[in-house]
Amino acid sequence: LKAYEKAKLEDNGKPKLIIAKTLIGKGIPEVAGTSKAHGESGKDFVERSRKNIGLPDKLYYVSDSVKEYFFNTQTEST
């Protein structure tokens, strides 16, 4: 978030690149950190991985903080 805010403030007309270091397949020990987390290889572990990273059982879950962020962003742009 700090990198995004900094890039947003530096409005010099030049493109910005933000590199986010993430772990592919996080929460799925069988495929974490490997290309196997893409597509078919990871699908068998979806239910368990959602629990491992603390997501609720609801399939299409969006946290209240994310909803609030996008609501505020939409409101600011109108």
N, C-alpha and C. Protein backbone atom coordinates (compact mmCIF):
# COMPACT_ATOMS: atom_id res chain seq x y z
N LEU A 1 0.83 -1.18 0.00
CA LEU A 1 0.00 0.00 0.00
C LEU A 1 0.88 1.25 0.00
N LYS A 2 1.99 1.19 0.75
CA LYS A 2 2.90 2.35 0.79
C LYS A 2 3.44 2.65 -0.61
N ALA A 3 3.82 1.60 -1.33
CA ALA A 3 4.36 1.79 -2.68
C ALA A 3 3.31 2.40 -3.60
N TYR A 4 2.08 1.94 -3.48
CA TYR A 4 0.99 2.47 -4.30
C TYR A 4 0.75 3.95 -4.00
N GLU A 5 0.69 4.28 -2.71
CA GLU A 5 0.45 5.67 -2.32
C GLU A 5 1.59 6.57 -2.79
N LYS A 6 2.82 6.10 -2.67
CA LYS A 6 3.98 6.87 -3.12
C LYS A 6 3.92 7.10 -4.63
N ALA A 7 3.63 6.05 -5.39
CA ALA A 7 3.54 6.17 -6.84
C ALA A 7 2.42 7.13 -7.25
N LYS A 8 1.33 7.08 -6.52
CA LYS A 8 0.19 7.95 -6.82
C LYS A 8 0.56 9.42 -6.59
N LEU A 9 1.35 9.69 -5.56
CA LEU A 9 1.76 11.06 -5.25
C LEU A 9 2.79 11.60 -6.26
N GLU A 10 3.60 10.72 -6.82
CA GLU A 10 4.62 11.12 -7.77
C GLU A 10 4.03 11.19 -9.18
N ASP A 11 3.18 12.15 -9.39
CA ASP A 11 2.51 12.31 -10.68
C ASP A 11 3.41 13.09 -11.63
N ASN A 12 4.40 12.37 -12.21
CA ASN A 12 5.35 13.01 -13.11
C ASN A 12 5.16 12.59 -14.56
N GLY A 13 4.06 11.92 -14.85
CA GLY A 13 3.78 11.50 -16.22
C GLY A 13 4.52 10.24 -16.65
N LYS A 14 5.35 9.69 -15.78
CA LYS A 14 6.10 8.48 -16.12
C LYS A 14 5.37 7.26 -15.57
N PRO A 15 5.48 6.13 -16.28
CA PRO A 15 4.83 4.91 -15.79
C PRO A 15 5.49 4.43 -14.50
N LYS A 16 4.74 3.73 -13.69
CA LYS A 16 5.24 3.19 -12.42
C LYS A 16 5.14 1.68 -12.46
N LEU A 17 6.06 1.03 -11.76
CA LEU A 17 6.04 -0.43 -11.64
C LEU A 17 6.13 -0.77 -10.16
N ILE A 18 5.19 -1.53 -9.68
CA ILE A 18 5.21 -2.00 -8.30
C ILE A 18 5.27 -3.52 -8.34
N ILE A 19 6.30 -4.06 -7.72
CA ILE A 19 6.48 -5.51 -7.69
C ILE A 19 5.99 -6.02 -6.34
N ALA A 20 5.02 -6.90 -6.38
CA ALA A 20 4.48 -7.49 -5.14
C ALA A 20 5.03 -8.91 -5.02
N LYS A 21 5.73 -9.17 -3.95
CA LYS A 21 6.28 -10.51 -3.72
C LYS A 21 5.25 -11.33 -2.96
N THR A 22 4.69 -12.31 -3.63
CA THR A 22 3.64 -13.13 -3.06
C THR A 22 4.04 -14.60 -3.14
N LEU A 23 3.28 -15.45 -2.48
CA LEU A 23 3.52 -16.88 -2.54
C LEU A 23 2.35 -17.52 -3.26
N ILE A 24 2.60 -18.02 -4.46
CA ILE A 24 1.55 -18.68 -5.22
C ILE A 24 1.13 -19.95 -4.49
N GLY A 25 -0.16 -20.17 -4.42
CA GLY A 25 -0.67 -21.37 -3.76
C GLY A 25 -0.59 -21.32 -2.25
N LYS A 26 -0.52 -20.12 -1.68
CA LYS A 26 -0.44 -19.98 -0.22
C LYS A 26 -1.61 -20.71 0.44
N GLY A 27 -1.32 -21.45 1.47
CA GLY A 27 -2.36 -22.19 2.17
C GLY A 27 -2.58 -23.59 1.64
N ILE A 28 -1.87 -23.95 0.58
CA ILE A 28 -2.00 -25.29 0.00
C ILE A 28 -0.61 -25.92 0.01
N PRO A 29 -0.23 -26.61 1.09
CA PRO A 29 1.13 -27.13 1.21
C PRO A 29 1.57 -27.99 0.02
N GLU A 30 0.64 -28.70 -0.59
CA GLU A 30 1.00 -29.60 -1.70
C GLU A 30 1.50 -28.85 -2.94
N VAL A 31 1.08 -27.61 -3.12
CA VAL A 31 1.45 -26.88 -4.34
C VAL A 31 2.05 -25.51 -4.08
N ALA A 32 2.11 -25.05 -2.81
CA ALA A 32 2.60 -23.71 -2.48
C ALA A 32 4.00 -23.48 -3.06
N GLY A 33 4.17 -22.35 -3.70
CA GLY A 33 5.46 -21.97 -4.25
C GLY A 33 5.80 -22.63 -5.57
N THR A 34 4.86 -23.36 -6.16
CA THR A 34 5.13 -24.04 -7.43
C THR A 34 4.09 -23.65 -8.48
N SER A 35 4.42 -23.92 -9.72
CA SER A 35 3.47 -23.63 -10.80
C SER A 35 2.26 -24.57 -10.76
N LYS A 36 2.33 -25.62 -9.95
CA LYS A 36 1.21 -26.55 -9.83
C LYS A 36 -0.02 -25.89 -9.22
N ALA A 37 0.16 -24.73 -8.59
CA ALA A 37 -0.98 -24.02 -8.00
C ALA A 37 -1.90 -23.43 -9.05
N HIS A 38 -1.43 -23.32 -10.28
CA HIS A 38 -2.26 -22.82 -11.37
C HIS A 38 -3.23 -23.90 -11.85
N GLY A 39 -4.40 -23.49 -12.20
CA GLY A 39 -5.35 -24.35 -12.91
C GLY A 39 -5.71 -25.64 -12.21
N GLU A 40 -5.73 -26.70 -12.97
CA GLU A 40 -6.24 -28.00 -12.51
C GLU A 40 -5.51 -28.55 -11.29
N SER A 41 -4.21 -28.35 -11.20
CA SER A 41 -3.45 -28.94 -10.11
C SER A 41 -3.87 -28.42 -8.75
N GLY A 42 -4.30 -27.17 -8.68
CA GLY A 42 -4.68 -26.58 -7.40
C GLY A 42 -6.14 -26.74 -7.02
N LYS A 43 -6.99 -27.10 -7.98
CA LYS A 43 -8.44 -27.12 -7.73
C LYS A 43 -8.86 -28.11 -6.66
N ASP A 44 -8.13 -29.21 -6.50
CA ASP A 44 -8.50 -30.21 -5.51
C ASP A 44 -8.28 -29.72 -4.08
N PHE A 45 -7.54 -28.63 -3.93
CA PHE A 45 -7.17 -28.17 -2.61
C PHE A 45 -7.85 -26.86 -2.22
N VAL A 46 -8.78 -26.38 -3.02
CA VAL A 46 -9.39 -25.07 -2.80
C VAL A 46 -10.09 -24.98 -1.46
N GLU A 47 -10.93 -25.93 -1.14
CA GLU A 47 -11.70 -25.88 0.12
C GLU A 47 -10.76 -25.78 1.32
N ARG A 48 -9.77 -26.66 1.37
CA ARG A 48 -8.85 -26.68 2.50
C ARG A 48 -8.01 -25.40 2.55
N SER A 49 -7.59 -24.92 1.40
CA SER A 49 -6.74 -23.72 1.38
C SER A 49 -7.51 -22.50 1.87
N ARG A 50 -8.77 -22.40 1.53
CA ARG A 50 -9.59 -21.27 2.01
C ARG A 50 -9.62 -21.28 3.54
N LYS A 51 -9.77 -22.45 4.13
CA LYS A 51 -9.77 -22.56 5.59
C LYS A 51 -8.39 -22.23 6.16
N ASN A 52 -7.33 -22.70 5.50
CA ASN A 52 -5.97 -22.48 5.98
C ASN A 52 -5.60 -21.00 6.04
N ILE A 53 -6.16 -20.19 5.15
CA ILE A 53 -5.82 -18.75 5.18
C ILE A 53 -6.91 -17.92 5.86
N GLY A 54 -7.87 -18.60 6.47
CA GLY A 54 -8.85 -17.91 7.31
C GLY A 54 -10.04 -17.31 6.59
N LEU A 55 -10.33 -17.76 5.38
CA LEU A 55 -11.51 -17.25 4.68
C LEU A 55 -12.76 -18.01 5.12
N PRO A 56 -13.90 -17.34 5.13
CA PRO A 56 -15.14 -18.04 5.51
C PRO A 56 -15.57 -19.01 4.41
N ASP A 57 -16.55 -19.85 4.73
CA ASP A 57 -17.02 -20.86 3.77
C ASP A 57 -17.70 -20.26 2.55
N LYS A 58 -18.19 -19.02 2.67
CA LYS A 58 -18.87 -18.36 1.56
C LYS A 58 -17.94 -18.33 0.34
N LEU A 59 -18.41 -18.86 -0.80
CA LEU A 59 -17.56 -19.00 -1.98
C LEU A 59 -17.03 -17.67 -2.52
N TYR A 60 -17.91 -16.69 -2.68
CA TYR A 60 -17.49 -15.40 -3.21
C TYR A 60 -17.46 -14.38 -2.09
N TYR A 61 -16.44 -14.45 -1.26
CA TYR A 61 -16.31 -13.60 -0.08
C TYR A 61 -15.50 -12.34 -0.40
N VAL A 62 -16.04 -11.20 0.01
CA VAL A 62 -15.33 -9.93 -0.08
C VAL A 62 -15.43 -9.30 1.30
N SER A 63 -14.29 -8.99 1.91
CA SER A 63 -14.30 -8.45 3.27
C SER A 63 -14.93 -7.06 3.29
N ASP A 64 -15.41 -6.68 4.46
CA ASP A 64 -16.02 -5.36 4.62
C ASP A 64 -15.03 -4.25 4.32
N SER A 65 -13.75 -4.45 4.69
CA SER A 65 -12.75 -3.40 4.43
C SER A 65 -12.52 -3.20 2.93
N VAL A 66 -12.57 -4.27 2.16
CA VAL A 66 -12.41 -4.17 0.71
C VAL A 66 -13.63 -3.48 0.10
N LYS A 67 -14.82 -3.86 0.55
CA LYS A 67 -16.04 -3.21 0.05
C LYS A 67 -16.00 -1.72 0.34
N GLU A 68 -15.59 -1.35 1.56
CA GLU A 68 -15.52 0.05 1.95
C GLU A 68 -14.51 0.81 1.10
N TYR A 69 -13.35 0.20 0.87
CA TYR A 69 -12.31 0.85 0.05
C TYR A 69 -12.85 1.16 -1.35
N PHE A 70 -13.45 0.19 -1.99
CA PHE A 70 -13.93 0.41 -3.35
C PHE A 70 -15.13 1.33 -3.39
N PHE A 71 -15.97 1.29 -2.37
CA PHE A 71 -17.09 2.24 -2.29
C PHE A 71 -16.55 3.66 -2.21
N ASN A 72 -15.56 3.88 -1.34
CA ASN A 72 -14.96 5.20 -1.21
C ASN A 72 -14.24 5.65 -2.47
N THR A 73 -13.58 4.74 -3.13
CA THR A 73 -12.89 5.06 -4.38
C THR A 73 -13.89 5.47 -5.45
N GLN A 74 -14.99 4.74 -5.54
CA GLN A 74 -16.04 5.05 -6.52
C GLN A 74 -16.66 6.41 -6.20
N THR A 75 -16.90 6.67 -4.94
CA THR A 75 -17.51 7.94 -4.52
C THR A 75 -16.59 9.12 -4.85
N GLU A 76 -15.28 8.95 -4.65
CA GLU A 76 -14.31 10.02 -4.91
C GLU A 76 -14.24 10.37 -6.40
N SER A 77 -14.43 9.38 -7.27
CA SER A 77 -14.25 9.61 -8.70
C SER A 77 -15.50 10.20 -9.36
N THR A 78 -16.61 10.27 -8.65
CA THR A 78 -17.84 10.80 -9.27
C THR A 78 -18.03 12.25 -8.95
